Amino acid sequence: MFENILLEMEGALAVLTINRPDKMNAVNNATVEELDQALSAIEKNPDLRVLILTGAGDKAFVAGADIHELNLRDSVRGRIETRRRQEVYTRIEQLEIPSIAAINGWALGTGLELAMACTIRLASTNSKLGQPEVKLGIMPGAGGTQRLPRLIGMGRAMEMILTGEPVDAQRAFEMGLINKITPSEALMAEAKKLAMMLASRPKLAIQYGKEAVLRYPEGSFAQGLAHESYLHALSCGTQDKKEGISAFLEKRKPNFIGK
């Protein structure tokens, strides 16, 4: 079905792999379009609860944009291609289900921007993360200047974007850029373990909580509080809320049904 990615869907879990290991999983325009198609398939599957996004092999999650296409970009193509990537990455960010970036090796440029669009990020000990576009005479264009400072603060984001220097997994963890470091051989097992934990939680509570957090930077603190309150109220009307309270009082494991 795809040439540049792999999509596996089984039960509650979807695994989407950027599959260009001979190119260090560099993202080209065709990959972006395939990602968009895969997201449509994910959204149409009501059984899915979590998405894991990773790269083929252990050398790179995504080592950046395809350098040959980047070489052909002029101002017109630069605008068109970055806006398209922004649209697709934002679609990942705004999925109703949470997404986990399993970062194995290099995550640079558009690769880091793709990882930052995910809900949670895990990285192997050999990972390096960065926005090196300045070394090519350009700047980030797929969300890096917006998502990076939200995750690690303006000062640290400025340093990474303006110097172009990558950080290792330990530094990324200390910054808050990634959530957990694992050995390379255990990365997917840890990602799936976390995915199953998330899948066991009530679907609507996960969806509403994710939406509330994502909406916060878009408005004032007061607007964020109001939106949180409305979403909390919606969650109070679900069957899963009744089940969760009953299970707590009865000292048993809840059986959430996603309604």
C-alpha atoms as a PDB file:
ATOM      1  CA  MET A   1       0.000   0.000   0.000  1.00  0.00           C
ATOM      2  CA  PHE A   2       2.893   2.367   0.819  1.00  0.00           C
ATOM      3  CA  GLU A   3       6.428   2.809  -0.499  1.00  0.00           C
ATOM      4  CA  ASN A   4       7.952   4.969   2.233  1.00  0.00           C
ATOM      5  CA  ILE A   5       6.141   3.955   5.399  1.00  0.00           C
ATOM      6  CA  LEU A   6       4.757   0.858   7.083  1.00  0.00           C
ATOM      7  CA  LEU A   7       1.430   0.823   8.919  1.00  0.00           C
ATOM      8  CA  GLU A   8       0.421  -1.996  11.231  1.00  0.00           C
ATOM      9  CA  MET A   9      -2.886  -1.973  13.076  1.00  0.00           C
ATOM     10  CA  GLU A  10      -3.716  -4.702  15.555  1.00  0.00           C
ATOM     11  CA  GLY A  11      -6.284  -4.404  18.293  1.00  0.00           C
ATOM     12  CA  ALA A  12      -5.879  -1.129  20.145  1.00  0.00           C
ATOM     13  CA  LEU A  13      -2.425  -0.344  18.752  1.00  0.00           C
ATOM     14  CA  ALA A  14      -1.208   1.189  15.496  1.00  0.00           C
ATOM     15  CA  VAL A  15       2.500   1.267  14.647  1.00  0.00           C
ATOM     16  CA  LEU A  16       3.556   3.678  11.892  1.00  0.00           C
ATOM     17  CA  THR A  17       7.155   3.331  10.705  1.00  0.00           C
ATOM     18  CA  ILE A  18       9.060   5.706   8.435  1.00  0.00           C
ATOM     19  CA  ASN A  19      10.634   3.064   6.200  1.00  0.00           C
ATOM     20  CA  ARG A  20      13.532   4.605   4.274  1.00  0.00           C
ATOM     21  CA  PRO A  21      16.491   3.159   6.225  1.00  0.00           C
ATOM     22  CA  ASP A  22      18.867   3.538   3.266  1.00  0.00           C
ATOM     23  CA  LYS A  23      18.152   7.295   3.425  1.00  0.00           C
ATOM     24  CA  MET A  24      18.281   7.456   7.243  1.00  0.00           C
ATOM     25  CA  ASN A  25      14.482   7.704   7.017  1.00  0.00           C
ATOM     26  CA  ALA A  26      14.736  11.199   5.543  1.00  0.00           C
ATOM     27  CA  VAL A  27      11.286  12.604   4.827  1.00  0.00           C
ATOM     28  CA  ASN A  28      10.477  13.485   1.229  1.00  0.00           C
ATOM     29  CA  ASN A  29       7.237  14.871  -0.158  1.00  0.00           C
ATOM     30  CA  ALA A  30       5.937  11.403  -1.023  1.00  0.00           C
ATOM     31  CA  THR A  31       6.443  10.324   2.595  1.00  0.00           C
ATOM     32  CA  VAL A  32       4.396  13.277   3.800  1.00  0.00           C
ATOM     33  CA  GLU A  33       1.509  12.291   1.554  1.00  0.00           C
ATOM     34  CA  GLU A  34       1.701   8.686   2.706  1.00  0.00           C
ATOM     35  CA  LEU A  35       1.657   9.837   6.321  1.00  0.00           C
ATOM     36  CA  ASP A  36      -1.517  11.759   5.562  1.00  0.00           C
ATOM     37  CA  GLN A  37      -3.130   8.669   4.006  1.00  0.00           C
ATOM     38  CA  ALA A  38      -2.090   6.541   6.982  1.00  0.00           C
ATOM     39  CA  LEU A  39      -3.664   9.031   9.378  1.00  0.00           C
ATOM     40  CA  SER A  40      -6.948   8.717   7.494  1.00  0.00           C
ATOM     41  CA  ALA A  41      -6.824   4.942   7.950  1.00  0.00           C
ATOM     42  CA  ILE A  42      -6.041   5.367  11.650  1.00  0.00           C
ATOM     43  CA  GLU A  43      -8.914   7.797  12.161  1.00  0.00           C
ATOM     44  CA  LYS A  44     -11.341   5.381  10.507  1.00  0.00           C
ATOM     45  CA  ASN A  45     -10.450   2.500  12.828  1.00  0.00           C
ATOM     46  CA  PRO A  46     -12.652   2.751  15.955  1.00  0.00           C
ATOM     47  CA  ASP A  47     -10.706   0.052  17.804  1.00  0.00           C
ATOM     48  CA  LEU A  48      -7.445   1.993  17.942  1.00  0.00           C
ATOM     49  CA  ARG A  49      -6.442   3.634  21.219  1.00  0.00           C
ATOM     50  CA  VAL A  50      -2.765   4.520  20.696  1.00  0.00           C
ATOM     51  CA  LEU A  51      -0.344   5.242  17.835  1.00  0.00           C
ATOM     52  CA  ILE A  52       3.394   4.529  17.974  1.00  0.00           C
ATOM     53  CA  LEU A  53       5.471   6.420  15.424  1.00  0.00           C
ATOM     54  CA  THR A  54       9.029   5.252  14.769  1.00  0.00           C
ATOM     55  CA  GLY A  55      11.738   4.895  12.124  1.00  0.00           C
ATOM     56  CA  ALA A  56      13.116   1.747  10.507  1.00  0.00           C
ATOM     57  CA  GLY A  57      16.445   0.503  11.845  1.00  0.00           C
ATOM     58  CA  ASP A  58      18.430   1.718  14.839  1.00  0.00           C
ATOM     59  CA  LYS A  59      20.393   4.566  13.245  1.00  0.00           C
ATOM     60  CA  ALA A  60      17.679   7.163  12.746  1.00  0.00           C
ATOM     61  CA  PHE A  61      14.131   8.007  13.671  1.00  0.00           C
ATOM     62  CA  VAL A  62      14.202  10.601  10.888  1.00  0.00           C
ATOM     63  CA  ALA A  63      17.544  12.233  10.063  1.00  0.00           C
ATOM     64  CA  GLY A  64      15.891  15.242   8.401  1.00  0.00           C
ATOM     65  CA  ALA A  65      14.344  16.268   5.106  1.00  0.00           C
ATOM     66  CA  ASP A  66      15.361  14.645   1.835  1.00  0.00           C
ATOM     67  CA  ILE A  67      18.402  16.705   0.872  1.00  0.00           C
ATOM     68  CA  HIS A  68      17.770  16.384  -2.886  1.00  0.00           C
ATOM     69  CA  GLU A  69      14.283  17.866  -2.590  1.00  0.00           C
ATOM     70  CA  LEU A  70      15.563  20.499  -0.187  1.00  0.00           C
ATOM     71  CA  ASN A  71      18.166  21.514  -2.759  1.00  0.00           C
ATOM     72  CA  LEU A  72      15.369  22.209  -5.272  1.00  0.00           C
ATOM     73  CA  ARG A  73      13.352  24.422  -2.944  1.00  0.00           C
ATOM     74  CA  ASP A  74      12.964  28.049  -3.867  1.00  0.00           C
ATOM     75  CA  SER A  75      10.797  30.523  -1.982  1.00  0.00           C
ATOM     76  CA  VAL A  76       7.582  29.269  -3.607  1.00  0.00           C
ATOM     77  CA  ARG A  77       8.278  25.587  -3.049  1.00  0.00           C
ATOM     78  CA  GLY A  78       9.574  26.295   0.434  1.00  0.00           C
ATOM     79  CA  ARG A  79       6.252  27.838   1.414  1.00  0.00           C
ATOM     80  CA  ILE A  80       4.149  25.089  -0.175  1.00  0.00           C
ATOM     81  CA  GLU A  81       6.165  22.183   1.197  1.00  0.00           C
ATOM     82  CA  THR A  82       6.520  23.479   4.755  1.00  0.00           C
ATOM     83  CA  ARG A  83       2.835  24.353   5.017  1.00  0.00           C
ATOM     84  CA  ARG A  84       1.961  20.853   3.874  1.00  0.00           C
ATOM     85  CA  ARG A  85       4.237  19.300   6.508  1.00  0.00           C
ATOM     86  CA  GLN A  86       2.796  21.585   9.151  1.00  0.00           C
ATOM     87  CA  GLU A  87      -0.706  20.412   8.216  1.00  0.00           C
ATOM     88  CA  VAL A  88       0.169  16.718   8.424  1.00  0.00           C
ATOM     89  CA  TYR A  89       2.205  17.018  11.631  1.00  0.00           C
ATOM     90  CA  THR A  90      -0.582  19.029  13.247  1.00  0.00           C
ATOM     91  CA  ARG A  91      -2.977  16.283  12.224  1.00  0.00           C
ATOM     92  CA  ILE A  92      -0.834  13.838  14.223  1.00  0.00           C
ATOM     93  CA  GLU A  93      -0.816  16.203  17.185  1.00  0.00           C
ATOM     94  CA  GLN A  94      -4.592  16.563  17.104  1.00  0.00           C
ATOM     95  CA  LEU A  95      -5.519  12.899  16.729  1.00  0.00           C
ATOM     96  CA  GLU A  96      -8.170  11.871  19.239  1.00  0.00           C
ATOM     97  CA  ILE A  97      -5.857   9.085  20.394  1.00  0.00           C
ATOM     98  CA  PRO A  98      -2.433   9.705  21.983  1.00  0.00           C
ATOM     99  CA  SER A  99       0.727   9.112  19.970  1.00  0.00           C
ATOM    100  CA  ILE A 100       4.145   7.939  21.141  1.00  0.00           C
ATOM    101  CA  ALA A 101       7.329   8.795  19.252  1.00  0.00           C
ATOM    102  CA  ALA A 102       9.835   5.949  19.633  1.00  0.00           C
ATOM    103  CA  ILE A 103      13.075   7.736  18.711  1.00  0.00           C
ATOM    104  CA  ASN A 104      15.883   5.398  17.724  1.00  0.00           C
ATOM    105  CA  GLY A 105      19.008   7.324  16.772  1.00  0.00           C
ATOM    106  CA  TRP A 106      18.982  10.654  14.937  1.00  0.00           C
ATOM    107  CA  ALA A 107      15.935  12.912  15.061  1.00  0.00           C
ATOM    108  CA  LEU A 108      16.947  16.033  13.195  1.00  0.00           C
ATOM    109  CA  GLY A 109      15.128  18.885  11.504  1.00  0.00           C
ATOM    110  CA  THR A 110      11.795  17.684  10.238  1.00  0.00           C
ATOM    111  CA  GLY A 111      12.422  14.463  12.187  1.00  0.00           C
ATOM    112  CA  LEU A 112      12.441  16.292  15.507  1.00  0.00           C
ATOM    113  CA  GLU A 113       9.466  18.338  14.345  1.00  0.00           C
ATOM    114  CA  LEU A 114       7.611  15.091  13.614  1.00  0.00           C
ATOM    115  CA  ALA A 115       8.502  13.681  17.030  1.00  0.00           C
ATOM    116  CA  MET A 116       7.371  16.873  18.756  1.00  0.00           C
ATOM    117  CA  ALA A 117       3.945  16.526  17.141  1.00  0.00           C
ATOM    118  CA  CYS A 118       3.500  13.296  19.101  1.00  0.00           C
ATOM    119  CA  THR A 119       1.953  13.266  22.558  1.00  0.00           C
ATOM    120  CA  ILE A 120       4.856  11.520  24.329  1.00  0.00           C
ATOM    121  CA  ARG A 121       8.464  10.880  23.281  1.00  0.00           C
ATOM    122  CA  LEU A 122      10.698   7.945  24.214  1.00  0.00           C
ATOM    123  CA  ALA A 123      14.296   7.816  23.011  1.00  0.00           C
ATOM    124  CA  SER A 124      17.065   5.233  22.896  1.00  0.00           C
ATOM    125  CA  THR A 125      20.349   5.965  24.643  1.00  0.00           C
ATOM    126  CA  ASN A 126      22.087   6.524  21.294  1.00  0.00           C
ATOM    127  CA  SER A 127      19.639   9.209  20.169  1.00  0.00           C
ATOM    128  CA  LYS A 128      20.617  12.714  19.097  1.00  0.00           C
ATOM    129  CA  LEU A 129      17.955  15.379  18.635  1.00  0.00           C
ATOM    130  CA  GLY A 130      18.316  18.739  16.961  1.00  0.00           C
ATOM    131  CA  GLN A 131      17.191  21.494  14.614  1.00  0.00           C
ATOM    132  CA  PRO A 132      20.300  21.867  12.405  1.00  0.00           C
ATOM    133  CA  GLU A 133      18.655  23.815   9.585  1.00  0.00           C
ATOM    134  CA  VAL A 134      20.733  26.937  10.271  1.00  0.00           C
ATOM    135  CA  LYS A 135      23.830  25.023   9.144  1.00  0.00           C
ATOM    136  CA  LEU A 136      22.210  24.799   5.694  1.00  0.00           C
ATOM    137  CA  GLY A 137      21.418  28.511   5.590  1.00  0.00           C
ATOM    138  CA  ILE A 138      17.737  28.085   6.457  1.00  0.00           C
ATOM    139  CA  MET A 139      15.511  27.799   9.531  1.00  0.00           C
ATOM    140  CA  PRO A 140      12.988  25.198  10.721  1.00  0.00           C
ATOM    141  CA  GLY A 141       9.767  25.115   8.728  1.00  0.00           C
ATOM    142  CA  ALA A 142       7.622  22.215   9.956  1.00  0.00           C
ATOM    143  CA  GLY A 143       6.734  23.498  13.397  1.00  0.00           C
ATOM    144  CA  GLY A 144      10.095  23.604  15.164  1.00  0.00           C
ATOM    145  CA  THR A 145       9.997  27.281  16.118  1.00  0.00           C
ATOM    146  CA  GLN A 146       6.560  26.822  17.701  1.00  0.00           C
ATOM    147  CA  ARG A 147       6.617  23.396  19.377  1.00  0.00           C
ATOM    148  CA  LEU A 148      10.212  23.406  20.653  1.00  0.00           C
ATOM    149  CA  PRO A 149       9.871  26.455  22.952  1.00  0.00           C
ATOM    150  CA  ARG A 150       6.586  25.097  24.309  1.00  0.00           C
ATOM    151  CA  LEU A 151       8.368  21.919  25.325  1.00  0.00           C
ATOM    152  CA  ILE A 152      11.710  23.228  26.625  1.00  0.00           C
ATOM    153  CA  GLY A 153      11.323  26.991  27.043  1.00  0.00           C
ATOM    154  CA  MET A 154      12.308  29.895  24.837  1.00  0.00           C
ATOM    155  CA  GLY A 155      15.935  30.194  25.918  1.00  0.00           C
ATOM    156  CA  ARG A 156      16.833  26.563  25.280  1.00  0.00           C
ATOM    157  CA  ALA A 157      14.842  26.525  22.043  1.00  0.00           C
ATOM    158  CA  MET A 158      16.692  29.608  20.842  1.00  0.00           C
ATOM    159  CA  GLU A 159      20.008  27.903  21.557  1.00  0.00           C
ATOM    160  CA  MET A 160      19.090  24.747  19.641  1.00  0.00           C
ATOM    161  CA  ILE A 161      17.598  26.595  16.669  1.00  0.00           C
ATOM    162  CA  LEU A 162      20.256  29.297  16.340  1.00  0.00           C
ATOM    163  CA  THR A 163      23.324  27.092  16.881  1.00  0.00           C
ATOM    164  CA  GLY A 164      21.950  24.060  15.070  1.00  0.00           C
ATOM    165  CA  GLU A 165      23.770  21.802  17.532  1.00  0.00           C
ATOM    166  CA  PRO A 166      22.024  18.559  18.550  1.00  0.00           C
ATOM    167  CA  VAL A 167      21.604  17.290  22.102  1.00  0.00           C
ATOM    168  CA  ASP A 168      22.016  13.728  23.294  1.00  0.00           C
ATOM    169  CA  ALA A 169      19.245  11.697  24.922  1.00  0.00           C
ATOM    170  CA  GLN A 170      20.296  12.578  28.479  1.00  0.00           C
ATOM    171  CA  ARG A 171      20.302  16.310  27.780  1.00  0.00           C
ATOM    172  CA  ALA A 172      16.990  16.019  25.915  1.00  0.00           C
ATOM    173  CA  PHE A 173      15.499  14.269  28.945  1.00  0.00           C
ATOM    174  CA  GLU A 174      16.802  16.940  31.313  1.00  0.00           C
ATOM    175  CA  MET A 175      15.264  19.634  29.083  1.00  0.00           C
ATOM    176  CA  GLY A 176      11.888  17.906  28.987  1.00  0.00           C
ATOM    177  CA  LEU A 177      12.157  17.247  25.260  1.00  0.00           C
ATOM    178  CA  ILE A 178      11.741  13.502  25.793  1.00  0.00           C
ATOM    179  CA  ASN A 179       9.874  11.635  28.527  1.00  0.00           C
ATOM    180  CA  LYS A 180      12.077   8.564  28.988  1.00  0.00           C
ATOM    181  CA  ILE A 181      15.401   7.066  27.864  1.00  0.00           C
ATOM    182  CA  THR A 182      15.685   3.344  27.143  1.00  0.00           C
ATOM    183  CA  PRO A 183      18.346   1.018  25.728  1.00  0.00           C
ATOM    184  CA  SER A 184      18.013   0.756  21.958  1.00  0.00           C
ATOM    185  CA  GLU A 185      17.030  -2.915  22.081  1.00  0.00           C
ATOM    186  CA  ALA A 186      14.244  -2.197  24.582  1.00  0.00           C
ATOM    187  CA  LEU A 187      12.784   0.891  22.889  1.00  0.00           C
ATOM    188  CA  MET A 188       9.825  -0.684  21.108  1.00  0.00           C
ATOM    189  CA  ALA A 189       9.012  -2.908  24.070  1.00  0.00           C
ATOM    190  CA  GLU A 190       8.878   0.176  26.315  1.00  0.00           C
ATOM    191  CA  ALA A 191       6.788   2.058  23.755  1.00  0.00           C
ATOM    192  CA  LYS A 192       4.307  -0.820  23.520  1.00  0.00           C
ATOM    193  CA  LYS A 193       4.187  -1.169  27.304  1.00  0.00           C
ATOM    194  CA  LEU A 194       3.283   2.508  27.607  1.00  0.00           C
ATOM    195  CA  ALA A 195       0.827   2.197  24.720  1.00  0.00           C
ATOM    196  CA  MET A 196      -1.008  -0.655  26.438  1.00  0.00           C
ATOM    197  CA  MET A 197      -1.198   1.356  29.647  1.00  0.00           C
ATOM    198  CA  LEU A 198      -2.738   4.278  27.752  1.00  0.00           C
ATOM    199  CA  ALA A 199      -5.074   1.916  25.893  1.00  0.00           C
ATOM    200  CA  SER A 200      -6.386   0.610  29.218  1.00  0.00           C
ATOM    201  CA  ARG A 201      -7.505   4.085  30.256  1.00  0.00           C
ATOM    202  CA  PRO A 202     -10.966   5.432  29.347  1.00  0.00           C
ATOM    203  CA  LYS A 203     -10.941   6.626  25.743  1.00  0.00           C
ATOM    204  CA  LEU A 204     -12.978   9.804  26.202  1.00  0.00           C
ATOM    205  CA  ALA A 205     -11.101  10.947  29.316  1.00  0.00           C
ATOM    206  CA  ILE A 206      -7.836  10.531  27.373  1.00  0.00           C
ATOM    207  CA  GLN A 207      -9.274  12.415  24.391  1.00  0.00           C
ATOM    208  CA  TYR A 208     -10.636  15.296  26.468  1.00  0.00           C
ATOM    209  CA  GLY A 209      -7.485  15.619  28.587  1.00  0.00           C
ATOM    210  CA  LYS A 210      -5.296  15.718  25.481  1.00  0.00           C
ATOM    211  CA  GLU A 211      -7.531  18.347  23.883  1.00  0.00           C
ATOM    212  CA  ALA A 212      -7.431  20.556  26.971  1.00  0.00           C
ATOM    213  CA  VAL A 213      -3.636  20.524  27.150  1.00  0.00           C
ATOM    214  CA  LEU A 214      -3.252  21.247  23.429  1.00  0.00           C
ATOM    215  CA  ARG A 215      -5.685  24.159  23.556  1.00  0.00           C
ATOM    216  CA  TYR A 216      -3.880  25.952  26.368  1.00  0.00           C
ATOM    217  CA  PRO A 217      -1.277  27.871  24.272  1.00  0.00           C
ATOM    218  CA  GLU A 218      -3.986  29.150  21.920  1.00  0.00           C
ATOM    219  CA  GLY A 219      -5.712  31.466  24.374  1.00  0.00           C
ATOM    220  CA  SER A 220      -5.537  33.058  27.793  1.00  0.00           C
ATOM    221  CA  PHE A 221      -5.218  31.166  31.053  1.00  0.00           C
ATOM    222  CA  ALA A 222      -8.852  31.992  31.822  1.00  0.00           C
ATOM    223  CA  GLN A 223      -9.984  30.571  28.485  1.00  0.00           C
ATOM    224  CA  GLY A 224      -7.963  27.437  29.145  1.00  0.00           C
ATOM    225  CA  LEU A 225      -9.603  26.984  32.526  1.00  0.00           C
ATOM    226  CA  ALA A 226     -13.076  27.439  31.042  1.00  0.00           C
ATOM    227  CA  HIS A 227     -12.368  24.922  28.284  1.00  0.00           C
ATOM    228  CA  GLU A 228     -10.987  22.453  30.838  1.00  0.00           C
ATOM    229  CA  SER A 229     -14.143  22.797  32.921  1.00  0.00           C
ATOM    230  CA  TYR A 230     -16.429  22.076  29.958  1.00  0.00           C
ATOM    231  CA  LEU A 231     -14.405  19.000  28.977  1.00  0.00           C
ATOM    232  CA  HIS A 232     -14.387  17.778  32.570  1.00  0.00           C
ATOM    233  CA  ALA A 233     -18.162  18.134  32.633  1.00  0.00           C
ATOM    234  CA  LEU A 234     -18.441  16.079  29.448  1.00  0.00           C
ATOM    235  CA  SER A 235     -16.302  13.343  30.973  1.00  0.00           C
ATOM    236  CA  CYS A 236     -18.601  13.280  34.014  1.00  0.00           C
ATOM    237  CA  GLY A 237     -21.480  12.239  31.731  1.00  0.00           C
ATOM    238  CA  THR A 238     -19.762   9.124  30.377  1.00  0.00           C
ATOM    239  CA  GLN A 239     -20.408   5.500  31.235  1.00  0.00           C
ATOM    240  CA  ASP A 240     -16.696   5.117  31.909  1.00  0.00           C
ATOM    241  CA  LYS A 241     -16.917   7.705  34.682  1.00  0.00           C
ATOM    242  CA  LYS A 242     -19.606   5.657  36.411  1.00  0.00           C
ATOM    243  CA  GLU A 243     -17.541   2.500  35.930  1.00  0.00           C
ATOM    244  CA  GLY A 244     -14.383   4.150  37.223  1.00  0.00           C
ATOM    245  CA  ILE A 245     -16.045   5.379  40.414  1.00  0.00           C
ATOM    246  CA  SER A 246     -17.806   2.045  40.981  1.00  0.00           C
ATOM    247  CA  ALA A 247     -14.591   0.092  40.472  1.00  0.00           C
ATOM    248  CA  PHE A 248     -12.741   2.344  42.929  1.00  0.00           C
ATOM    249  CA  LEU A 249     -15.406   1.946  45.612  1.00  0.00           C
ATOM    250  CA  GLU A 250     -15.657  -1.797  45.039  1.00  0.00           C
ATOM    251  CA  LYS A 251     -11.850  -2.191  45.041  1.00  0.00           C
ATOM    252  CA  ARG A 252     -11.706  -3.878  41.629  1.00  0.00           C
ATOM    253  CA  LYS A 253     -10.143  -3.216  38.239  1.00  0.00           C
ATOM    254  CA  PRO A 254     -12.348  -1.005  36.027  1.00  0.00           C
ATOM    255  CA  ASN A 255     -13.727  -2.251  32.709  1.00  0.00           C
ATOM    256  CA  PHE A 256     -13.774   0.836  30.509  1.00  0.00           C
ATOM    257  CA  ILE A 257     -15.747   0.644  27.251  1.00  0.00           C
ATOM    258  CA  GLY A 258     -14.942   4.009  25.644  1.00  0.00           C
ATOM    259  CA  LYS A 259     -18.393   5.525  26.101  1.00  0.00           C
END
